[in-house]
Amino acid sequence: MLTADHPPADAIYRRWPNRLALGIAAHGHLATTVHPPDTGTLRGDVLEWLREANRY
């Protein structure tokens, strides 16, 4: 069963030829839309960044 949250793989690969290209595009999007957290520690920053990315 397909849902709006999970498009079929062929629709994704029409725009990006492989996972690397998709990952690069996602990174470019996140780098311009998500502001890096500043929790005071690298571990805290990474955890907060992952939580923020997971909300999307």
N, C-alpha and C. Protein backbone atom coordinates (compact mmCIF):
# COMPACT_ATOMS: atom_id res chain seq x y z
N MET A 1 0.84 -1.17 0.00
CA MET A 1 0.00 0.00 0.00
C MET A 1 0.89 1.24 0.00
N LEU A 2 0.61 2.17 -0.89
CA LEU A 2 1.37 3.40 -0.97
C LEU A 2 0.62 4.51 -0.25
N THR A 3 1.37 5.36 0.39
CA THR A 3 0.78 6.52 1.05
C THR A 3 1.49 7.76 0.56
N ALA A 4 0.92 8.90 0.86
CA ALA A 4 1.54 10.17 0.46
C ALA A 4 2.89 10.36 1.14
N ASP A 5 3.08 9.74 2.30
CA ASP A 5 4.34 9.86 3.04
C ASP A 5 5.46 9.03 2.44
N HIS A 6 5.12 8.03 1.66
CA HIS A 6 6.11 7.13 1.10
C HIS A 6 5.89 6.95 -0.41
N PRO A 7 6.47 7.84 -1.20
CA PRO A 7 6.29 7.70 -2.66
C PRO A 7 7.00 6.45 -3.16
N PRO A 8 6.57 5.91 -4.29
CA PRO A 8 7.23 4.72 -4.84
C PRO A 8 8.67 5.04 -5.24
N ALA A 9 9.52 4.04 -5.15
CA ALA A 9 10.94 4.21 -5.44
C ALA A 9 11.19 4.72 -6.85
N ASP A 10 10.40 4.26 -7.83
CA ASP A 10 10.64 4.71 -9.20
C ASP A 10 10.39 6.21 -9.35
N ALA A 11 9.49 6.77 -8.56
CA ALA A 11 9.26 8.22 -8.61
C ALA A 11 10.47 8.97 -8.07
N ILE A 12 11.10 8.43 -7.05
CA ILE A 12 12.29 9.06 -6.48
C ILE A 12 13.45 8.97 -7.46
N TYR A 13 13.64 7.81 -8.07
CA TYR A 13 14.79 7.62 -8.96
C TYR A 13 14.61 8.30 -10.32
N ARG A 14 13.41 8.79 -10.62
CA ARG A 14 13.25 9.62 -11.82
C ARG A 14 13.96 10.95 -11.64
N ARG A 15 13.97 11.44 -10.41
CA ARG A 15 14.60 12.74 -10.14
C ARG A 15 16.07 12.59 -9.77
N TRP A 16 16.40 11.58 -8.96
CA TRP A 16 17.78 11.34 -8.54
C TRP A 16 18.18 9.95 -9.03
N PRO A 17 19.31 9.83 -9.73
CA PRO A 17 19.67 8.54 -10.33
C PRO A 17 20.11 7.47 -9.34
N ASN A 18 20.52 7.88 -8.14
CA ASN A 18 20.97 6.89 -7.16
C ASN A 18 20.91 7.49 -5.75
N ARG A 19 21.22 6.67 -4.75
CA ARG A 19 21.13 7.12 -3.36
C ARG A 19 22.12 8.24 -3.04
N LEU A 20 23.30 8.19 -3.65
CA LEU A 20 24.29 9.24 -3.41
C LEU A 20 23.76 10.59 -3.86
N ALA A 21 23.19 10.65 -5.05
CA ALA A 21 22.63 11.91 -5.55
C ALA A 21 21.48 12.39 -4.67
N LEU A 22 20.65 11.48 -4.20
CA LEU A 22 19.56 11.83 -3.29
C LEU A 22 20.11 12.37 -1.98
N GLY A 23 21.13 11.71 -1.44
CA GLY A 23 21.75 12.17 -0.19
C GLY A 23 22.38 13.55 -0.33
N ILE A 24 23.03 13.80 -1.44
CA ILE A 24 23.65 15.11 -1.68
C ILE A 24 22.56 16.19 -1.78
N ALA A 25 21.48 15.88 -2.46
CA ALA A 25 20.38 16.84 -2.58
C ALA A 25 19.74 17.10 -1.21
N ALA A 26 19.56 16.06 -0.42
CA ALA A 26 18.98 16.22 0.92
C ALA A 26 19.89 17.06 1.80
N HIS A 27 21.19 16.80 1.74
CA HIS A 27 22.13 17.58 2.54
C HIS A 27 22.09 19.04 2.13
N GLY A 28 22.04 19.30 0.83
CA GLY A 28 21.98 20.68 0.35
C GLY A 28 20.73 21.39 0.84
N HIS A 29 19.61 20.66 0.87
CA HIS A 29 18.37 21.24 1.36
C HIS A 29 18.44 21.51 2.86
N LEU A 30 18.90 20.53 3.62
CA LEU A 30 18.98 20.70 5.07
C LEU A 30 19.99 21.78 5.45
N ALA A 31 21.08 21.88 4.70
CA ALA A 31 22.10 22.87 5.02
C ALA A 31 21.58 24.29 4.88
N THR A 32 20.57 24.49 4.05
CA THR A 32 20.03 25.83 3.86
C THR A 32 18.78 26.09 4.67
N THR A 33 18.15 25.04 5.22
CA THR A 33 16.89 25.23 5.95
C THR A 33 16.98 24.96 7.44
N VAL A 34 17.95 24.20 7.89
CA VAL A 34 18.08 23.86 9.30
C VAL A 34 19.27 24.60 9.88
N HIS A 35 19.02 25.36 10.93
CA HIS A 35 20.10 26.09 11.57
C HIS A 35 20.80 25.18 12.57
N PRO A 36 22.14 25.16 12.57
CA PRO A 36 22.86 24.26 13.47
C PRO A 36 22.62 24.63 14.94
N PRO A 37 22.36 23.64 15.77
CA PRO A 37 22.13 23.91 17.19
C PRO A 37 23.45 24.24 17.89
N ASP A 38 23.35 24.87 19.02
CA ASP A 38 24.53 25.16 19.84
C ASP A 38 24.20 24.82 21.29
N THR A 39 24.42 23.53 21.63
CA THR A 39 24.10 23.07 22.98
C THR A 39 25.30 23.15 23.91
N GLY A 40 26.46 23.43 23.35
CA GLY A 40 27.66 23.51 24.17
C GLY A 40 28.56 22.30 24.04
N THR A 41 28.03 21.20 23.50
CA THR A 41 28.86 20.00 23.29
C THR A 41 28.59 19.46 21.89
N LEU A 42 29.59 18.81 21.33
CA LEU A 42 29.42 18.21 20.01
C LEU A 42 28.33 17.13 20.04
N ARG A 43 28.35 16.30 21.08
CA ARG A 43 27.34 15.24 21.21
C ARG A 43 25.94 15.83 21.26
N GLY A 44 25.77 16.85 22.07
CA GLY A 44 24.47 17.50 22.18
C GLY A 44 24.03 18.14 20.87
N ASP A 45 24.97 18.76 20.17
CA ASP A 45 24.66 19.37 18.88
C ASP A 45 24.20 18.34 17.87
N VAL A 46 24.91 17.22 17.80
CA VAL A 46 24.56 16.17 16.83
C VAL A 46 23.20 15.57 17.18
N LEU A 47 22.96 15.29 18.46
CA LEU A 47 21.67 14.73 18.86
C LEU A 47 20.54 15.69 18.55
N GLU A 48 20.71 16.96 18.83
CA GLU A 48 19.66 17.94 18.55
C GLU A 48 19.44 18.10 17.05
N TRP A 49 20.53 18.08 16.27
CA TRP A 49 20.41 18.18 14.82
C TRP A 49 19.62 16.99 14.27
N LEU A 50 19.90 15.79 14.77
CA LEU A 50 19.17 14.59 14.32
C LEU A 50 17.70 14.66 14.73
N ARG A 51 17.42 15.15 15.94
CA ARG A 51 16.03 15.29 16.36
C ARG A 51 15.29 16.27 15.45
N GLU A 52 15.94 17.38 15.13
CA GLU A 52 15.34 18.38 14.25
C GLU A 52 15.10 17.81 12.85
N ALA A 53 16.07 17.09 12.31
CA ALA A 53 15.92 16.50 10.99
C ALA A 53 14.82 15.44 10.98
N ASN A 54 14.64 14.73 12.09
CA ASN A 54 13.63 13.68 12.19
C ASN A 54 12.22 14.26 12.19
N ARG A 55 12.07 15.51 12.58
CA ARG A 55 10.74 16.14 12.59
C ARG A 55 10.18 16.33 11.20
N TYR A 56 11.05 16.33 10.19
CA TYR A 56 10.59 16.51 8.82
C TYR A 56 10.29 15.18 8.24
